[in-house]
Every structure is written in C-alpha cells, then in structure tokens.
Amino acid sequence: GIDSITKLLEKHTTEDSAKVDLMIKLSAHYQATNLSKAELYASDALKIAENLKDNHAICSVLSQLGSVYSWQRFSTKALDTYFREREIALKMRDEFWLQDAYLGIGYVYELENDWDKALKYTMKALPYAEKSDDPFVKAFAYTNLGSEHLGLKNNEKAEYYLRLASKLFFDNDYIDQYANSEINVAKVF
C-alpha cells in the first residue's frame, strides 16, 4: 500500500528510474483519494525522468499524469500531456506507449462527451492494443470502444466490444474490471 511505497521512496535517495517508478505507483495510489498528491508525485517524477533523459520513464509518467489530469477534469492539460506522450512514443517507435497515448486522448474526449473524437483516437490505438500480449491492454481498448459506441448510440457495436472486454477480464481474473464491464453491457439495454 501507500505506506510501504512511501517508506521505500524515503530510503531511495538516488534520482533514477526506480525512484520514478515508485513515484508513479504513489501517484496511482493517491489518485483515488487525493488528486493533488497524485499530481504532485507524478509532476515530481516527470522532472526526474526528464533529467535522466529516459523516454520510457517519461512516457510512463506522462501516462499517469494524463490520467490524473483527466480525473481532475483538466481536459486541456490532459490532452497536452497525452499528445506529448504520443510524440515521444512515435520518435521511439514504441507501440505500447503509442496505444496508451491514443487511449488517453480518447478517454479525455469521452469525458467531454465528444464521442466522434473519442472513437477516432481509440480506433488509432486498437491495432496496437490488439497486437499486445497483455489481455488487460486489449480489454481496456474494447471497454473504451464500447463506451464510445454507446455514446454514439451504436448499441450493437457497443455490446460487441463490451462483451469482448468482459470476456477478457473474466478469463484473466480481473474480477473488479469484469464487474464494471458487465455493468457497462447492461447499459446497452
């Protein structure tokens, strides 16, 4: 939990990628309870990652920071953050961070109820997500597609993608995500 990560961070005085990872974990933990702290840890982690000139670490932090900004409903900051992640991912030719950035951008547009733009960016993520070996990555993309089709009143496509997500979550023991996914499927009807 938060206490054990905080203790590890206090002991870890070297500004390296391990410290960046710990700060991202703390930011993610705080995201549900204290968005200001979540933003602070992610912002501080970004400074370290930038000093290290570690593009993978920078993308990882930008992903977390974009998520925090999204939860804060700071859409412009979130979009700027995800587009920056996208640019770095393109330079690195890193498909994981590219799909992550596209899904982040799509999610921000979902929050703004701009379903066409949300769908456009999620569709850009889809080929990369479907190539991933991580079922969670695929299921996350399908969940976004389902939500976006629901927003566009394309109920058949919404149901199709939400059921794909549910199956992946269920088959891989992501029980909380499976339950949420089943609630989303119910919204189709």
Protein backbone atom coordinates (compact mmCIF):
# COMPACT_ATOMS: atom_id res chain seq x y z
CA GLY A 1 0.00 0.00 0.00
CA ILE A 2 0.83 3.67 0.24
CA ASP A 3 2.81 3.35 3.49
CA SER A 4 5.19 0.70 2.17
CA ILE A 5 5.78 2.59 -1.08
CA THR A 6 6.36 5.84 0.87
CA LYS A 7 8.94 4.08 3.07
CA LEU A 8 10.72 2.68 0.01
CA LEU A 9 10.74 6.13 -1.56
CA GLU A 10 12.18 7.73 1.61
CA LYS A 11 15.04 5.20 1.57
CA HIS A 12 15.64 5.61 -2.17
CA THR A 13 17.66 8.80 -2.44
CA THR A 14 19.11 8.20 -5.91
CA GLU A 15 17.27 10.01 -8.69
CA ASP A 16 16.92 7.09 -11.11
CA SER A 17 14.22 5.17 -12.97
CA ALA A 18 13.47 3.08 -9.86
CA LYS A 19 12.58 6.29 -7.97
CA VAL A 20 10.43 7.40 -10.91
CA ASP A 21 8.57 4.05 -10.79
CA LEU A 22 7.94 4.39 -7.04
CA MET A 23 6.62 7.93 -7.53
CA ILE A 24 4.30 6.75 -10.32
CA LYS A 25 2.99 3.99 -8.03
CA LEU A 26 2.37 6.52 -5.26
CA SER A 27 0.61 8.84 -7.68
CA ALA A 28 -1.62 5.98 -8.84
CA HIS A 29 -2.45 5.02 -5.24
CA TYR A 30 -3.31 8.61 -4.33
CA GLN A 31 -5.37 9.13 -7.49
CA ALA A 32 -8.47 7.61 -5.87
CA THR A 33 -8.20 9.61 -2.63
CA ASN A 34 -6.12 12.76 -3.12
CA LEU A 35 -5.76 14.11 -6.65
CA SER A 36 -3.46 16.97 -5.56
CA LYS A 37 -0.96 14.50 -4.08
CA ALA A 38 -1.33 12.26 -7.13
CA GLU A 39 -0.50 15.23 -9.37
CA LEU A 40 2.43 16.29 -7.18
CA TYR A 41 4.09 12.85 -7.22
CA ALA A 42 3.60 12.50 -10.98
CA SER A 43 4.93 16.02 -11.66
CA ASP A 44 8.00 15.39 -9.49
CA ALA A 45 8.56 12.04 -11.21
CA LEU A 46 8.39 13.77 -14.59
CA LYS A 47 11.17 16.19 -13.60
CA ILE A 48 13.42 13.26 -12.61
CA ALA A 49 12.59 11.29 -15.78
CA GLU A 50 13.33 14.36 -17.91
CA ASN A 51 16.67 14.90 -16.12
CA LEU A 52 17.51 11.25 -16.81
CA LYS A 53 16.51 11.73 -20.47
CA ASP A 54 14.74 8.35 -20.17
CA ASN A 55 11.96 8.39 -22.78
CA HIS A 56 10.33 5.20 -21.48
CA ALA A 57 10.15 6.66 -17.97
CA ILE A 58 8.89 9.97 -19.39
CA CYS A 59 6.09 8.16 -21.26
CA SER A 60 5.19 6.18 -18.14
CA VAL A 61 4.95 9.38 -16.09
CA LEU A 62 3.05 11.25 -18.81
CA SER A 63 0.52 8.41 -18.90
CA GLN A 64 -0.04 8.68 -15.14
CA LEU A 65 -0.10 12.48 -15.17
CA GLY A 66 -2.58 12.49 -18.06
CA SER A 67 -4.81 10.16 -16.07
CA VAL A 68 -4.65 12.43 -13.01
CA TYR A 69 -5.48 15.49 -15.13
CA SER A 70 -8.39 13.56 -16.66
CA TRP A 71 -9.77 12.71 -13.23
CA GLN A 72 -9.38 16.36 -12.23
CA ARG A 73 -11.32 17.24 -15.40
CA PHE A 74 -8.40 19.37 -16.60
CA SER A 75 -9.06 18.32 -20.20
CA THR A 76 -6.64 20.73 -21.89
CA LYS A 77 -3.76 19.71 -19.60
CA ALA A 78 -4.65 16.03 -20.04
CA LEU A 79 -4.72 16.33 -23.84
CA ASP A 80 -1.41 18.24 -23.89
CA THR A 81 0.12 15.52 -21.71
CA TYR A 82 -1.17 12.62 -23.81
CA PHE A 83 -0.17 14.32 -27.09
CA ARG A 84 3.34 14.80 -25.66
CA GLU A 85 3.42 11.08 -24.74
CA ARG A 86 2.29 10.31 -28.32
CA GLU A 87 5.11 12.39 -29.83
CA ILE A 88 7.77 10.66 -27.73
CA ALA A 89 6.26 7.22 -28.48
CA LEU A 90 6.32 7.98 -32.21
CA LYS A 91 10.00 9.00 -32.04
CA MET A 92 10.83 5.80 -30.14
CA ARG A 93 8.57 3.71 -32.37
CA ASP A 94 7.11 2.28 -29.16
CA GLU A 95 3.73 0.72 -29.85
CA PHE A 96 2.79 0.24 -26.18
CA TRP A 97 3.16 3.92 -25.31
CA LEU A 98 1.59 4.94 -28.61
CA GLN A 99 -1.59 2.96 -27.92
CA ASP A 100 -1.54 4.20 -24.32
CA ALA A 101 -1.42 7.82 -25.51
CA TYR A 102 -4.19 7.29 -28.07
CA LEU A 103 -6.41 5.62 -25.45
CA GLY A 104 -5.71 8.50 -23.06
CA ILE A 105 -6.66 11.06 -25.70
CA GLY A 106 -9.81 9.09 -26.50
CA TYR A 107 -10.72 8.92 -22.81
CA VAL A 108 -10.41 12.70 -22.40
CA TYR A 109 -12.77 13.19 -25.35
CA GLU A 110 -15.16 10.64 -23.75
CA LEU A 111 -15.22 12.74 -20.59
CA GLU A 112 -16.08 15.74 -22.76
CA ASN A 113 -18.87 13.71 -24.47
CA ASP A 114 -17.12 14.28 -27.80
CA TRP A 115 -17.84 10.73 -28.93
CA ASP A 116 -16.64 11.11 -32.54
CA LYS A 117 -13.18 12.34 -31.48
CA ALA A 118 -13.03 9.74 -28.70
CA LEU A 119 -13.78 6.96 -31.19
CA LYS A 120 -11.25 8.35 -33.71
CA TYR A 121 -8.37 8.14 -31.21
CA THR A 122 -9.41 4.83 -29.70
CA MET A 123 -9.51 3.36 -33.21
CA LYS A 124 -5.92 4.59 -33.69
CA ALA A 125 -4.97 2.66 -30.54
CA LEU A 126 -6.81 -0.52 -31.48
CA PRO A 127 -4.29 -2.12 -33.90
CA TYR A 128 -1.51 -1.70 -31.32
CA ALA A 129 -3.68 -2.88 -28.43
CA GLU A 130 -4.77 -5.97 -30.35
CA LYS A 131 -1.11 -6.88 -31.02
CA SER A 132 -0.34 -6.69 -27.30
CA ASP A 133 0.28 -9.87 -25.31
CA ASP A 134 -1.37 -8.20 -22.30
CA PRO A 135 -5.10 -9.06 -22.15
CA PHE A 136 -5.70 -6.03 -19.91
CA VAL A 137 -4.45 -3.70 -22.68
CA LYS A 138 -6.87 -5.25 -25.19
CA ALA A 139 -9.77 -5.25 -22.74
CA PHE A 140 -9.17 -1.60 -21.86
CA ALA A 141 -9.31 -0.64 -25.57
CA TYR A 142 -12.50 -2.69 -26.05
CA THR A 143 -14.07 -1.05 -22.98
CA ASN A 144 -13.35 2.40 -24.40
CA LEU A 145 -14.73 1.40 -27.81
CA GLY A 146 -17.87 0.04 -26.16
CA SER A 147 -18.40 3.24 -24.18
CA GLU A 148 -17.83 5.38 -27.24
CA HIS A 149 -20.24 3.38 -29.39
CA LEU A 150 -22.76 3.64 -26.55
CA GLY A 151 -22.28 7.42 -26.58
CA LEU A 152 -22.87 7.42 -30.35
CA LYS A 153 -25.99 5.22 -29.91
CA ASN A 154 -24.35 2.38 -31.90
CA ASN A 155 -25.73 -0.18 -29.47
CA GLU A 156 -24.82 -3.31 -31.45
CA LYS A 157 -21.17 -2.29 -31.72
CA ALA A 158 -21.21 -1.14 -28.07
CA GLU A 159 -22.46 -4.54 -26.95
CA TYR A 160 -19.93 -6.36 -29.16
CA TYR A 161 -16.89 -4.52 -27.75
CA LEU A 162 -18.13 -4.52 -24.15
CA ARG A 163 -18.69 -8.29 -24.30
CA LEU A 164 -15.17 -8.77 -25.71
CA ALA A 165 -13.81 -6.73 -22.78
CA SER A 166 -15.91 -8.67 -20.25
CA LYS A 167 -14.66 -12.00 -21.56
CA LEU A 168 -11.01 -10.89 -21.38
CA PHE A 169 -11.46 -9.53 -17.86
CA PHE A 170 -13.26 -12.70 -16.73
CA ASP A 171 -10.84 -15.13 -18.39
CA ASN A 172 -7.86 -13.37 -16.79
CA ASP A 173 -9.29 -12.97 -13.27
CA TYR A 174 -9.63 -9.17 -13.36
CA ILE A 175 -12.74 -9.50 -11.21
CA ASP A 176 -13.34 -5.78 -10.43
CA GLN A 177 -12.94 -4.84 -14.09
CA TYR A 178 -15.19 -7.74 -15.10
CA ALA A 179 -17.96 -6.50 -12.78
CA ASN A 180 -17.65 -2.95 -14.17
CA SER A 181 -17.68 -4.33 -17.69
CA GLU A 182 -20.89 -6.27 -17.04
CA ILE A 183 -22.50 -3.07 -15.71
CA ASN A 184 -21.46 -1.36 -18.96
CA VAL A 185 -23.02 -4.20 -21.00
CA ALA A 186 -26.28 -3.68 -19.08
CA LYS A 187 -26.28 0.00 -20.16
CA VAL A 188 -26.76 -1.17 -23.77
CA PHE A 189 -30.25 -2.45 -22.95
